[in-house]
Amino acid sequence: MERPLAITPTTEPAGIRLRGTLGASTLPLLETSLERLLDQTGDVVLDLAGVTFVDSAGLRALVRAAASLEARGRRLLLENPRPQLFRLAEAVGYGIPAATMQSPGR
């Protein structure tokens, strides 16, 4: 069973801090939170330090959010991603731009 997902809004930088799992059972909560961020201005930062597991559904949600932001001239910045995220993205054929995987301000 997946751990629940806890989402905490952040203001500096603007975004959310995630804790728990990004998977099929937590997808609705993740997608709702990401959709709210699309309506804001500027880049969006996701702090993934507390994320313990990501499956393909969670990865897909991140990729869709990044594409939506890119279409608006903005970026999704993933802070503190675990190596598992890169391995999963490679395994399923999702390209994650290097600029997405940086800490803000770099």
PDB file of N, CA and C in Angstrom:
ATOM      1  N   MET A   1       0.838  -1.189   0.000  1.00  0.00           N
ATOM      2  CA  MET A   1       0.000   0.000   0.000  1.00  0.00           C
ATOM      3  C   MET A   1       0.884   1.254   0.000  1.00  0.00           C
ATOM      4  N   GLU A   2       0.488   2.224  -0.805  1.00  0.00           N
ATOM      5  CA  GLU A   2       1.255   3.455  -0.895  1.00  0.00           C
ATOM      6  C   GLU A   2       1.032   4.324   0.328  1.00  0.00           C
ATOM      7  N   ARG A   3       2.087   5.057   0.700  1.00  0.00           N
ATOM      8  CA  ARG A   3       1.943   6.058   1.760  1.00  0.00           C
ATOM      9  C   ARG A   3       1.130   7.207   1.215  1.00  0.00           C
ATOM     10  N   PRO A   4       0.342   7.830   2.055  1.00  0.00           N
ATOM     11  CA  PRO A   4      -0.409   8.999   1.592  1.00  0.00           C
ATOM     12  C   PRO A   4       0.540  10.100   1.137  1.00  0.00           C
ATOM     13  N   LEU A   5      -0.012  11.021   0.391  1.00  0.00           N
ATOM     14  CA  LEU A   5       0.754  12.153  -0.098  1.00  0.00           C
ATOM     15  C   LEU A   5       0.358  13.396   0.679  1.00  0.00           C
ATOM     16  N   ALA A   6       1.338  14.058   1.261  1.00  0.00           N
ATOM     17  CA  ALA A   6       1.112  15.331   1.946  1.00  0.00           C
ATOM     18  C   ALA A   6       1.680  16.426   1.064  1.00  0.00           C
ATOM     19  N   ILE A   7       0.891  17.479   0.863  1.00  0.00           N
ATOM     20  CA  ILE A   7       1.293  18.587   0.007  1.00  0.00           C
ATOM     21  C   ILE A   7       1.213  19.874   0.805  1.00  0.00           C
ATOM     22  N   THR A   8       2.330  20.602   0.846  1.00  0.00           N
ATOM     23  CA  THR A   8       2.404  21.866   1.573  1.00  0.00           C
ATOM     24  C   THR A   8       2.760  22.970   0.587  1.00  0.00           C
ATOM     25  N   PRO A   9       1.928  23.999   0.477  1.00  0.00           N
ATOM     26  CA  PRO A   9       2.276  25.119  -0.408  1.00  0.00           C
ATOM     27  C   PRO A   9       3.510  25.853   0.104  1.00  0.00           C
ATOM     28  N   THR A  10       4.326  26.329  -0.811  1.00  0.00           N
ATOM     29  CA  THR A  10       5.487  27.147  -0.465  1.00  0.00           C
ATOM     30  C   THR A  10       5.355  28.488  -1.190  1.00  0.00           C
ATOM     31  N   THR A  11       5.886  29.526  -0.574  1.00  0.00           N
ATOM     32  CA  THR A  11       5.794  30.845  -1.193  1.00  0.00           C
ATOM     33  C   THR A  11       7.145  31.355  -1.670  1.00  0.00           C
ATOM     34  N   GLU A  12       8.204  30.963  -1.035  1.00  0.00           N
ATOM     35  CA  GLU A  12       9.537  31.411  -1.437  1.00  0.00           C
ATOM     36  C   GLU A  12      10.469  30.214  -1.488  1.00  0.00           C
ATOM     37  N   PRO A  13      10.568  29.579  -2.615  1.00  0.00           N
ATOM     38  CA  PRO A  13       9.986  29.891  -3.914  1.00  0.00           C
ATOM     39  C   PRO A  13       8.550  29.402  -4.023  1.00  0.00           C
ATOM     40  N   ALA A  14       7.824  29.944  -4.992  1.00  0.00           N
ATOM     41  CA  ALA A  14       6.430  29.552  -5.202  1.00  0.00           C
ATOM     42  C   ALA A  14       6.359  28.118  -5.704  1.00  0.00           C
ATOM     43  N   GLY A  15       5.557  27.316  -5.053  1.00  0.00           N
ATOM     44  CA  GLY A  15       5.411  25.920  -5.463  1.00  0.00           C
ATOM     45  C   GLY A  15       4.798  25.092  -4.363  1.00  0.00           C
ATOM     46  N   ILE A  16       5.198  23.829  -4.311  1.00  0.00           N
ATOM     47  CA  ILE A  16       4.695  22.915  -3.280  1.00  0.00           C
ATOM     48  C   ILE A  16       5.813  21.986  -2.816  1.00  0.00           C
ATOM     49  N   ARG A  17       5.699  21.560  -1.564  1.00  0.00           N
ATOM     50  CA  ARG A  17       6.598  20.562  -0.974  1.00  0.00           C
ATOM     51  C   ARG A  17       5.782  19.277  -0.887  1.00  0.00           C
ATOM     52  N   LEU A  18       6.331  18.202  -1.435  1.00  0.00           N
ATOM     53  CA  LEU A  18       5.639  16.915  -1.460  1.00  0.00           C
ATOM     54  C   LEU A  18       6.297  15.946  -0.490  1.00  0.00           C
ATOM     55  N   ARG A  19       5.464  15.160   0.194  1.00  0.00           N
ATOM     56  CA  ARG A  19       5.964  14.160   1.134  1.00  0.00           C
ATOM     57  C   ARG A  19       5.095  12.912   0.994  1.00  0.00           C
ATOM     58  N   GLY A  20       5.743  11.780   0.727  1.00  0.00           N
ATOM     59  CA  GLY A  20       5.007  10.527   0.569  1.00  0.00           C
ATOM     60  C   GLY A  20       5.270   9.931  -0.800  1.00  0.00           C
ATOM     61  N   THR A  21       4.225   9.378  -1.418  1.00  0.00           N
ATOM     62  CA  THR A  21       4.388   8.700  -2.699  1.00  0.00           C
ATOM     63  C   THR A  21       3.634   9.415  -3.812  1.00  0.00           C
ATOM     64  N   LEU A  22       4.208   9.348  -5.009  1.00  0.00           N
ATOM     65  CA  LEU A  22       3.555   9.856  -6.210  1.00  0.00           C
ATOM     66  C   LEU A  22       3.192   8.642  -7.040  1.00  0.00           C
ATOM     67  N   GLY A  23       1.973   8.171  -6.852  1.00  0.00           N
ATOM     68  CA  GLY A  23       1.538   6.968  -7.534  1.00  0.00           C
ATOM     69  C   GLY A  23       0.071   7.034  -7.886  1.00  0.00           C
ATOM     70  N   ALA A  24      -0.447   5.938  -8.377  1.00  0.00           N
ATOM     71  CA  ALA A  24      -1.826   5.884  -8.855  1.00  0.00           C
ATOM     72  C   ALA A  24      -2.834   6.316  -7.790  1.00  0.00           C
ATOM     73  N   SER A  25      -2.632   5.888  -6.549  1.00  0.00           N
ATOM     74  CA  SER A  25      -3.627   6.217  -5.517  1.00  0.00           C
ATOM     75  C   SER A  25      -3.559   7.666  -5.057  1.00  0.00           C
ATOM     76  N   THR A  26      -2.424   8.328  -5.269  1.00  0.00           N
ATOM     77  CA  THR A  26      -2.283   9.726  -4.850  1.00  0.00           C
ATOM     78  C   THR A  26      -2.392  10.686  -6.033  1.00  0.00           C
ATOM     79  N   LEU A  27      -2.603  10.153  -7.225  1.00  0.00           N
ATOM     80  CA  LEU A  27      -2.632  10.955  -8.439  1.00  0.00           C
ATOM     81  C   LEU A  27      -3.677  12.070  -8.426  1.00  0.00           C
ATOM     82  N   PRO A  28      -4.922  11.825  -8.005  1.00  0.00           N
ATOM     83  CA  PRO A  28      -5.901  12.918  -8.017  1.00  0.00           C
ATOM     84  C   PRO A  28      -5.467  14.124  -7.177  1.00  0.00           C
ATOM     85  N   LEU A  29      -4.918  13.883  -6.010  1.00  0.00           N
ATOM     86  CA  LEU A  29      -4.458  14.975  -5.148  1.00  0.00           C
ATOM     87  C   LEU A  29      -3.291  15.710  -5.803  1.00  0.00           C
ATOM     88  N   LEU A  30      -2.343  14.970  -6.372  1.00  0.00           N
ATOM     89  CA  LEU A  30      -1.202  15.577  -7.036  1.00  0.00           C
ATOM     90  C   LEU A  30      -1.647  16.425  -8.219  1.00  0.00           C
ATOM     91  N   GLU A  31      -2.509  15.875  -9.064  1.00  0.00           N
ATOM     92  CA  GLU A  31      -2.957  16.604 -10.248  1.00  0.00           C
ATOM     93  C   GLU A  31      -3.725  17.871  -9.885  1.00  0.00           C
ATOM     94  N   THR A  32      -4.568  17.807  -8.875  1.00  0.00           N
ATOM     95  CA  THR A  32      -5.308  18.992  -8.433  1.00  0.00           C
ATOM     96  C   THR A  32      -4.347  20.079  -7.969  1.00  0.00           C
ATOM     97  N   SER A  33      -3.349  19.694  -7.205  1.00  0.00           N
ATOM     98  CA  SER A  33      -2.365  20.672  -6.713  1.00  0.00           C
ATOM     99  C   SER A  33      -1.560  21.272  -7.852  1.00  0.00           C
ATOM    100  N   LEU A  34      -1.167  20.448  -8.816  1.00  0.00           N
ATOM    101  CA  LEU A  34      -0.405  20.952  -9.957  1.00  0.00           C
ATOM    102  C   LEU A  34      -1.246  21.884 -10.815  1.00  0.00           C
ATOM    103  N   GLU A  35      -2.516  21.557 -11.007  1.00  0.00           N
ATOM    104  CA  GLU A  35      -3.405  22.421 -11.795  1.00  0.00           C
ATOM    105  C   GLU A  35      -3.539  23.803 -11.165  1.00  0.00           C
ATOM    106  N   ARG A  36      -3.619  23.862  -9.866  1.00  0.00           N
ATOM    107  CA  ARG A  36      -3.701  25.166  -9.181  1.00  0.00           C
ATOM    108  C   ARG A  36      -2.458  26.005  -9.437  1.00  0.00           C
ATOM    109  N   LEU A  37      -1.314  25.357  -9.512  1.00  0.00           N
ATOM    110  CA  LEU A  37      -0.060  26.076  -9.744  1.00  0.00           C
ATOM    111  C   LEU A  37       0.025  26.633 -11.165  1.00  0.00           C
ATOM    112  N   LEU A  38      -0.673  26.008 -12.101  1.00  0.00           N
ATOM    113  CA  LEU A  38      -0.645  26.481 -13.484  1.00  0.00           C
ATOM    114  C   LEU A  38      -1.258  27.865 -13.616  1.00  0.00           C
ATOM    115  N   ASP A  39      -2.182  28.201 -12.718  1.00  0.00           N
ATOM    116  CA  ASP A  39      -2.861  29.496 -12.772  1.00  0.00           C
ATOM    117  C   ASP A  39      -2.032  30.637 -12.198  1.00  0.00           C
ATOM    118  N   GLN A  40      -0.951  30.319 -11.520  1.00  0.00           N
ATOM    119  CA  GLN A  40      -0.097  31.354 -10.941  1.00  0.00           C
ATOM    120  C   GLN A  40       0.887  31.853 -11.997  1.00  0.00           C
ATOM    121  N   THR A  41       1.683  32.840 -11.642  1.00  0.00           N
ATOM    122  CA  THR A  41       2.690  33.350 -12.570  1.00  0.00           C
ATOM    123  C   THR A  41       4.076  32.888 -12.140  1.00  0.00           C
ATOM    124  N   GLY A  42       4.998  32.882 -13.076  1.00  0.00           N
ATOM    125  CA  GLY A  42       6.370  32.517 -12.774  1.00  0.00           C
ATOM    126  C   GLY A  42       6.610  31.015 -12.783  1.00  0.00           C
ATOM    127  N   ASP A  43       7.860  30.654 -12.569  1.00  0.00           N
ATOM    128  CA  ASP A  43       8.228  29.244 -12.511  1.00  0.00           C
ATOM    129  C   ASP A  43       7.632  28.605 -11.268  1.00  0.00           C
ATOM    130  N   VAL A  44       7.515  27.287 -11.297  1.00  0.00           N
ATOM    131  CA  VAL A  44       6.939  26.527 -10.189  1.00  0.00           C
ATOM    132  C   VAL A  44       8.000  25.554  -9.674  1.00  0.00           C
ATOM    133  N   VAL A  45       8.183  25.533  -8.361  1.00  0.00           N
ATOM    134  CA  VAL A  45       9.171  24.645  -7.741  1.00  0.00           C
ATOM    135  C   VAL A  45       8.455  23.547  -6.965  1.00  0.00           C
ATOM    136  N   LEU A  46       8.845  22.312  -7.238  1.00  0.00           N
ATOM    137  CA  LEU A  46       8.359  21.175  -6.455  1.00  0.00           C
ATOM    138  C   LEU A  46       9.529  20.659  -5.635  1.00  0.00           C
ATOM    139  N   ASP A  47       9.402  20.705  -4.320  1.00  0.00           N
ATOM    140  CA  ASP A  47      10.428  20.154  -3.443  1.00  0.00           C
ATOM    141  C   ASP A  47      10.088  18.684  -3.231  1.00  0.00           C
ATOM    142  N   LEU A  48      10.919  17.812  -3.767  1.00  0.00           N
ATOM    143  CA  LEU A  48      10.670  16.372  -3.734  1.00  0.00           C
ATOM    144  C   LEU A  48      11.474  15.645  -2.662  1.00  0.00           C
ATOM    145  N   ALA A  49      12.091  16.380  -1.739  1.00  0.00           N
ATOM    146  CA  ALA A  49      12.936  15.754  -0.721  1.00  0.00           C
ATOM    147  C   ALA A  49      12.188  14.699   0.090  1.00  0.00           C
ATOM    148  N   GLY A  50      10.906  14.909   0.325  1.00  0.00           N
ATOM    149  CA  GLY A  50      10.132  13.977   1.130  1.00  0.00           C
ATOM    150  C   GLY A  50       9.428  12.891   0.344  1.00  0.00           C
ATOM    151  N   VAL A  51       9.666  12.825  -0.963  1.00  0.00           N
ATOM    152  CA  VAL A  51       9.017  11.813  -1.807  1.00  0.00           C
ATOM    153  C   VAL A  51       9.811  10.513  -1.704  1.00  0.00           C
ATOM    154  N   THR A  52       9.112   9.455  -1.314  1.00  0.00           N
ATOM    155  CA  THR A  52       9.772   8.170  -1.099  1.00  0.00           C
ATOM    156  C   THR A  52       9.602   7.198  -2.258  1.00  0.00           C
ATOM    157  N   PHE A  53       8.643   7.471  -3.149  1.00  0.00           N
ATOM    158  CA  PHE A  53       8.363   6.547  -4.250  1.00  0.00           C
ATOM    159  C   PHE A  53       7.651   7.304  -5.362  1.00  0.00           C
ATOM    160  N   VAL A  54       8.026   6.992  -6.608  1.00  0.00           N
ATOM    161  CA  VAL A  54       7.346   7.551  -7.778  1.00  0.00           C
ATOM    162  C   VAL A  54       7.111   6.417  -8.756  1.00  0.00           C
ATOM    163  N   ASP A  55       5.851   6.262  -9.213  1.00  0.00           N
ATOM    164  CA  ASP A  55       5.595   5.280 -10.257  1.00  0.00           C
ATOM    165  C   ASP A  55       5.325   6.017 -11.566  1.00  0.00           C
ATOM    166  N   SER A  56       4.990   5.277 -12.615  1.00  0.00           N
ATOM    167  CA  SER A  56       4.820   5.902 -13.929  1.00  0.00           C
ATOM    168  C   SER A  56       3.660   6.896 -13.945  1.00  0.00           C
ATOM    169  N   ALA A  57       2.620   6.677 -13.156  1.00  0.00           N
ATOM    170  CA  ALA A  57       1.497   7.624 -13.100  1.00  0.00           C
ATOM    171  C   ALA A  57       1.948   8.955 -12.499  1.00  0.00           C
ATOM    172  N   GLY A  58       2.733   8.905 -11.447  1.00  0.00           N
ATOM    173  CA  GLY A  58       3.257  10.124 -10.835  1.00  0.00           C
ATOM    174  C   GLY A  58       4.200  10.854 -11.770  1.00  0.00           C
ATOM    175  N   LEU A  59       5.042  10.104 -12.450  1.00  0.00           N
ATOM    176  CA  LEU A  59       5.966  10.701 -13.406  1.00  0.00           C
ATOM    177  C   LEU A  59       5.201  11.373 -14.540  1.00  0.00           C
ATOM    178  N   ARG A  60       4.170  10.710 -15.051  1.00  0.00           N
ATOM    179  CA  ARG A  60       3.346  11.288 -16.123  1.00  0.00           C
ATOM    180  C   ARG A  60       2.742  12.618 -15.706  1.00  0.00           C
ATOM    181  N   ALA A  61       2.273  12.706 -14.466  1.00  0.00           N
ATOM    182  CA  ALA A  61       1.691  13.958 -13.965  1.00  0.00           C
ATOM    183  C   ALA A  61       2.734  15.071 -13.957  1.00  0.00           C
ATOM    184  N   LEU A  62       3.956  14.755 -13.555  1.00  0.00           N
ATOM    185  CA  LEU A  62       5.024  15.757 -13.551  1.00  0.00           C
ATOM    186  C   LEU A  62       5.366  16.206 -14.967  1.00  0.00           C
ATOM    187  N   VAL A  63       5.434  15.249 -15.886  1.00  0.00           N
ATOM    188  CA  VAL A  63       5.762  15.568 -17.275  1.00  0.00           C
ATOM    189  C   VAL A  63       4.660  16.435 -17.895  1.00  0.00           C
ATOM    190  N   ARG A  64       3.402  16.110 -17.631  1.00  0.00           N
ATOM    191  CA  ARG A  64       2.280  16.923 -18.160  1.00  0.00           C
ATOM    192  C   ARG A  64       2.323  18.334 -17.594  1.00  0.00           C
ATOM    193  N   ALA A  65       2.595  18.464 -16.295  1.00  0.00           N
ATOM    194  CA  ALA A  65       2.672  19.797 -15.684  1.00  0.00           C
ATOM    195  C   ALA A  65       3.818  20.600 -16.291  1.00  0.00           C
ATOM    196  N   ALA A  66       4.959  19.952 -16.506  1.00  0.00           N
ATOM    197  CA  ALA A  66       6.104  20.635 -17.104  1.00  0.00           C
ATOM    198  C   ALA A  66       5.760  21.116 -18.511  1.00  0.00           C
ATOM    199  N   ALA A  67       5.065  20.285 -19.294  1.00  0.00           N
ATOM    200  CA  ALA A  67       4.683  20.664 -20.655  1.00  0.00           C
ATOM    201  C   ALA A  67       3.685  21.824 -20.646  1.00  0.00           C
ATOM    202  N   SER A  68       2.735  21.789 -19.725  1.00  0.00           N
ATOM    203  CA  SER A  68       1.749  22.874 -19.622  1.00  0.00           C
ATOM    204  C   SER A  68       2.418  24.187 -19.253  1.00  0.00           C
ATOM    205  N   LEU A  69       3.362  24.126 -18.332  1.00  0.00           N
ATOM    206  CA  LEU A  69       4.076  25.340 -17.938  1.00  0.00           C
ATOM    207  C   LEU A  69       4.960  25.850 -19.081  1.00  0.00           C
ATOM    208  N   GLU A  70       5.609  24.935 -19.780  1.00  0.00           N
ATOM    209  CA  GLU A  70       6.475  25.330 -20.892  1.00  0.00           C
ATOM    210  C   GLU A  70       5.659  26.040 -21.980  1.00  0.00           C
ATOM    211  N   ALA A  71       4.441  25.571 -22.217  1.00  0.00           N
ATOM    212  CA  ALA A  71       3.570  26.214 -23.208  1.00  0.00           C
ATOM    213  C   ALA A  71       3.214  27.640 -22.795  1.00  0.00           C
ATOM    214  N   ARG A  72       3.334  27.934 -21.516  1.00  0.00           N
ATOM    215  CA  ARG A  72       3.055  29.276 -20.991  1.00  0.00           C
ATOM    216  C   ARG A  72       4.337  30.090 -20.788  1.00  0.00           C
ATOM    217  N   GLY A  73       5.467  29.552 -21.243  1.00  0.00           N
ATOM    218  CA  GLY A  73       6.741  30.247 -21.093  1.00  0.00           C
ATOM    219  C   GLY A  73       7.314  30.167 -19.692  1.00  0.00           C
ATOM    220  N   ARG A  74       6.917  29.142 -18.944  1.00  0.00           N
ATOM    221  CA  ARG A  74       7.368  28.973 -17.559  1.00  0.00           C
ATOM    222  C   ARG A  74       8.033  27.616 -17.418  1.00  0.00           C
ATOM    223  N   ARG A  75       8.617  27.364 -16.247  1.00  0.00           N
ATOM    224  CA  ARG A  75       9.308  26.097 -16.013  1.00  0.00           C
ATOM    225  C   ARG A  75       8.800  25.428 -14.741  1.00  0.00           C
ATOM    226  N   LEU A  76       8.891  24.109 -14.742  1.00  0.00           N
ATOM    227  CA  LEU A  76       8.680  23.312 -13.545  1.00  0.00           C
ATOM    228  C   LEU A  76      10.066  22.909 -13.067  1.00  0.00           C
ATOM    229  N   LEU A  77      10.435  23.353 -11.876  1.00  0.00           N
ATOM    230  CA  LEU A  77      11.747  23.042 -11.317  1.00  0.00           C
ATOM    231  C   LEU A  77      11.583  22.010 -10.218  1.00  0.00           C
ATOM    232  N   LEU A  78      12.270  20.886 -10.360  1.00  0.00           N
ATOM    233  CA  LEU A  78      12.193  19.813  -9.378  1.00  0.00           C
ATOM    234  C   LEU A  78      13.401  19.918  -8.461  1.00  0.00           C
ATOM    235  N   GLU A  79      13.129  20.210  -7.210  1.00  0.00           N
ATOM    236  CA  GLU A  79      14.189  20.369  -6.225  1.00  0.00           C
ATOM    237  C   GLU A  79      14.315  19.081  -5.420  1.00  0.00           C
ATOM    238  N   ASN A  80      15.532  18.633  -5.235  1.00  0.00           N
ATOM    239  CA  ASN A  80      15.832  17.426  -4.446  1.00  0.00           C
ATOM    240  C   ASN A  80      15.214  16.141  -5.009  1.00  0.00           C
ATOM    241  N   PRO A  81      15.237  15.962  -6.344  1.00  0.00           N
ATOM    242  CA  PRO A  81      14.692  14.701  -6.879  1.00  0.00           C
ATOM    243  C   PRO A  81      15.619  13.538  -6.547  1.00  0.00           C
ATOM    244  N   ARG A  82      15.058  12.392  -6.267  1.00  0.00           N
ATOM    245  CA  ARG A  82      15.854  11.185  -6.002  1.00  0.00           C
ATOM    246  C   ARG A  82      16.281  10.567  -7.329  1.00  0.00           C
ATOM    247  N   PRO A  83      17.388   9.858  -7.346  1.00  0.00           N
ATOM    248  CA  PRO A  83      17.863   9.227  -8.592  1.00  0.00           C
ATOM    249  C   PRO A  83      16.824   8.309  -9.230  1.00  0.00           C
ATOM    250  N   GLN A  84      15.944   7.718  -8.431  1.00  0.00           N
ATOM    251  CA  GLN A  84      14.900   6.834  -8.946  1.00  0.00           C
ATOM    252  C   GLN A  84      14.070   7.535 -10.011  1.00  0.00           C
ATOM    253  N   LEU A  85      13.835   8.822  -9.851  1.00  0.00           N
ATOM    254  CA  LEU A  85      13.016   9.565 -10.802  1.00  0.00           C
ATOM    255  C   LEU A  85      13.676   9.574 -12.178  1.00  0.00           C
ATOM    256  N   PHE A  86      14.985   9.782 -12.228  1.00  0.00           N
ATOM    257  CA  PHE A  86      15.714   9.765 -13.501  1.00  0.00           C
ATOM    258  C   PHE A  86      15.666   8.376 -14.134  1.00  0.00           C
ATOM    259  N   ARG A  87      15.874   7.328 -13.310  1.00  0.00           N
ATOM    260  CA  ARG A  87      15.864   5.959 -13.830  1.00  0.00           C
ATOM    261  C   ARG A  87      14.498   5.603 -14.393  1.00  0.00           C
ATOM    262  N   LEU A  88      13.443   5.981 -13.692  1.00  0.00           N
ATOM    263  CA  LEU A  88      12.091   5.692 -14.170  1.00  0.00           C
ATOM    264  C   LEU A  88      11.816   6.444 -15.471  1.00  0.00           C
ATOM    265  N   ALA A  89      12.188   7.716 -15.520  1.00  0.00           N
ATOM    266  CA  ALA A  89      11.958   8.513 -16.732  1.00  0.00           C
ATOM    267  C   ALA A  89      12.668   7.883 -17.928  1.00  0.00           C
ATOM    268  N   GLU A  90      13.880   7.431 -17.713  1.00  0.00           N
ATOM    269  CA  GLU A  90      14.630   6.788 -18.791  1.00  0.00           C
ATOM    270  C   GLU A  90      13.985   5.472 -19.198  1.00  0.00           C
ATOM    271  N   ALA A  91      13.542   4.687 -18.226  1.00  0.00           N
ATOM    272  CA  ALA A  91      12.958   3.381 -18.498  1.00  0.00           C
ATOM    273  C   ALA A  91      11.665   3.486 -19.300  1.00  0.00           C
ATOM    274  N   VAL A  92      10.862   4.501 -19.044  1.00  0.00           N
ATOM    275  CA  VAL A  92       9.582   4.626 -19.756  1.00  0.00           C
ATOM    276  C   VAL A  92       9.672   5.550 -20.964  1.00  0.00           C
ATOM    277  N   GLY A  93      10.862   6.121 -21.202  1.00  0.00           N
ATOM    278  CA  GLY A  93      11.059   6.914 -22.396  1.00  0.00           C
ATOM    279  C   GLY A  93      10.632   8.365 -22.299  1.00  0.00           C
ATOM    280  N   TYR A  94      10.467   8.875 -21.086  1.00  0.00           N
ATOM    281  CA  TYR A  94      10.162  10.295 -20.923  1.00  0.00           C
ATOM    282  C   TYR A  94      11.464  11.062 -20.824  1.00  0.00           C
ATOM    283  N   GLY A  95      11.577  12.081 -21.636  1.00  0.00           N
ATOM    284  CA  GLY A  95      12.737  12.952 -21.508  1.00  0.00           C
ATOM    285  C   GLY A  95      12.427  14.036 -20.499  1.00  0.00           C
ATOM    286  N   ILE A  96      13.274  14.188 -19.514  1.00  0.00           N
ATOM    287  CA  ILE A  96      13.107  15.262 -18.540  1.00  0.00           C
ATOM    288  C   ILE A  96      14.229  16.249 -18.792  1.00  0.00           C
ATOM    289  N   PRO A  97      13.874  17.465 -19.239  1.00  0.00           N
ATOM    290  CA  PRO A  97      14.926  18.442 -19.524  1.00  0.00           C
ATOM    291  C   PRO A  97      15.805  18.691 -18.308  1.00  0.00           C
ATOM    292  N   ALA A  98      17.099  18.838 -18.552  1.00  0.00           N
ATOM    293  CA  ALA A  98      18.036  19.077 -17.455  1.00  0.00           C
ATOM    294  C   ALA A  98      17.664  20.325 -16.672  1.00  0.00           C
ATOM    295  N   ALA A  99      17.129  21.332 -17.346  1.00  0.00           N
ATOM    296  CA  ALA A  99      16.758  22.576 -16.662  1.00  0.00           C
ATOM    297  C   ALA A  99      15.665  22.337 -15.634  1.00  0.00           C
ATOM    298  N   THR A 100      14.876  21.293 -15.827  1.00  0.00           N
ATOM    299  CA  THR A 100      13.799  20.978 -14.899  1.00  0.00           C
ATOM    300  C   THR A 100      14.348  20.434 -13.590  1.00  0.00           C
ATOM    301  N   MET A 101      15.476  19.766 -13.655  1.00  0.00           N
ATOM    302  CA  MET A 101      16.020  19.094 -12.492  1.00  0.00           C
ATOM    303  C   MET A 101      17.065  19.927 -11.764  1.00  0.00           C
ATOM    304  N   GLN A 102      16.854  21.191 -11.654  1.00  0.00           N
ATOM    305  CA  GLN A 102      17.814  22.032 -10.951  1.00  0.00           C
ATOM    306  C   GLN A 102      17.136  22.739  -9.807  1.00  0.00           C
ATOM    307  N   SER A 103      17.932  23.157  -8.900  1.00  0.00           N
ATOM    308  CA  SER A 103      17.401  23.969  -7.804  1.00  0.00           C
ATOM    309  C   SER A 103      17.171  25.375  -8.325  1.00  0.00           C
ATOM    310  N   PRO A 104      16.151  26.063  -7.808  1.00  0.00           N
ATOM    311  CA  PRO A 104      15.902  27.427  -8.227  1.00  0.00           C
ATOM    312  C   PRO A 104      17.104  28.315  -7.917  1.00  0.00           C
ATOM    313  N   GLY A 105      17.310  29.307  -8.739  1.00  0.00           N
ATOM    314  CA  GLY A 105      18.391  30.247  -8.490  1.00  0.00           C
ATOM    315  C   GLY A 105      19.723  29.807  -9.062  1.00  0.00           C
ATOM    316  N   ARG A 106      19.771  28.625  -9.686  1.00  0.00           N
ATOM    317  CA  ARG A 106      21.029  28.164 -10.283  1.00  0.00           C
ATOM    318  C   ARG A 106      21.093  28.572 -11.730  1.00  0.00           C
TER     319      ARG A 106
END
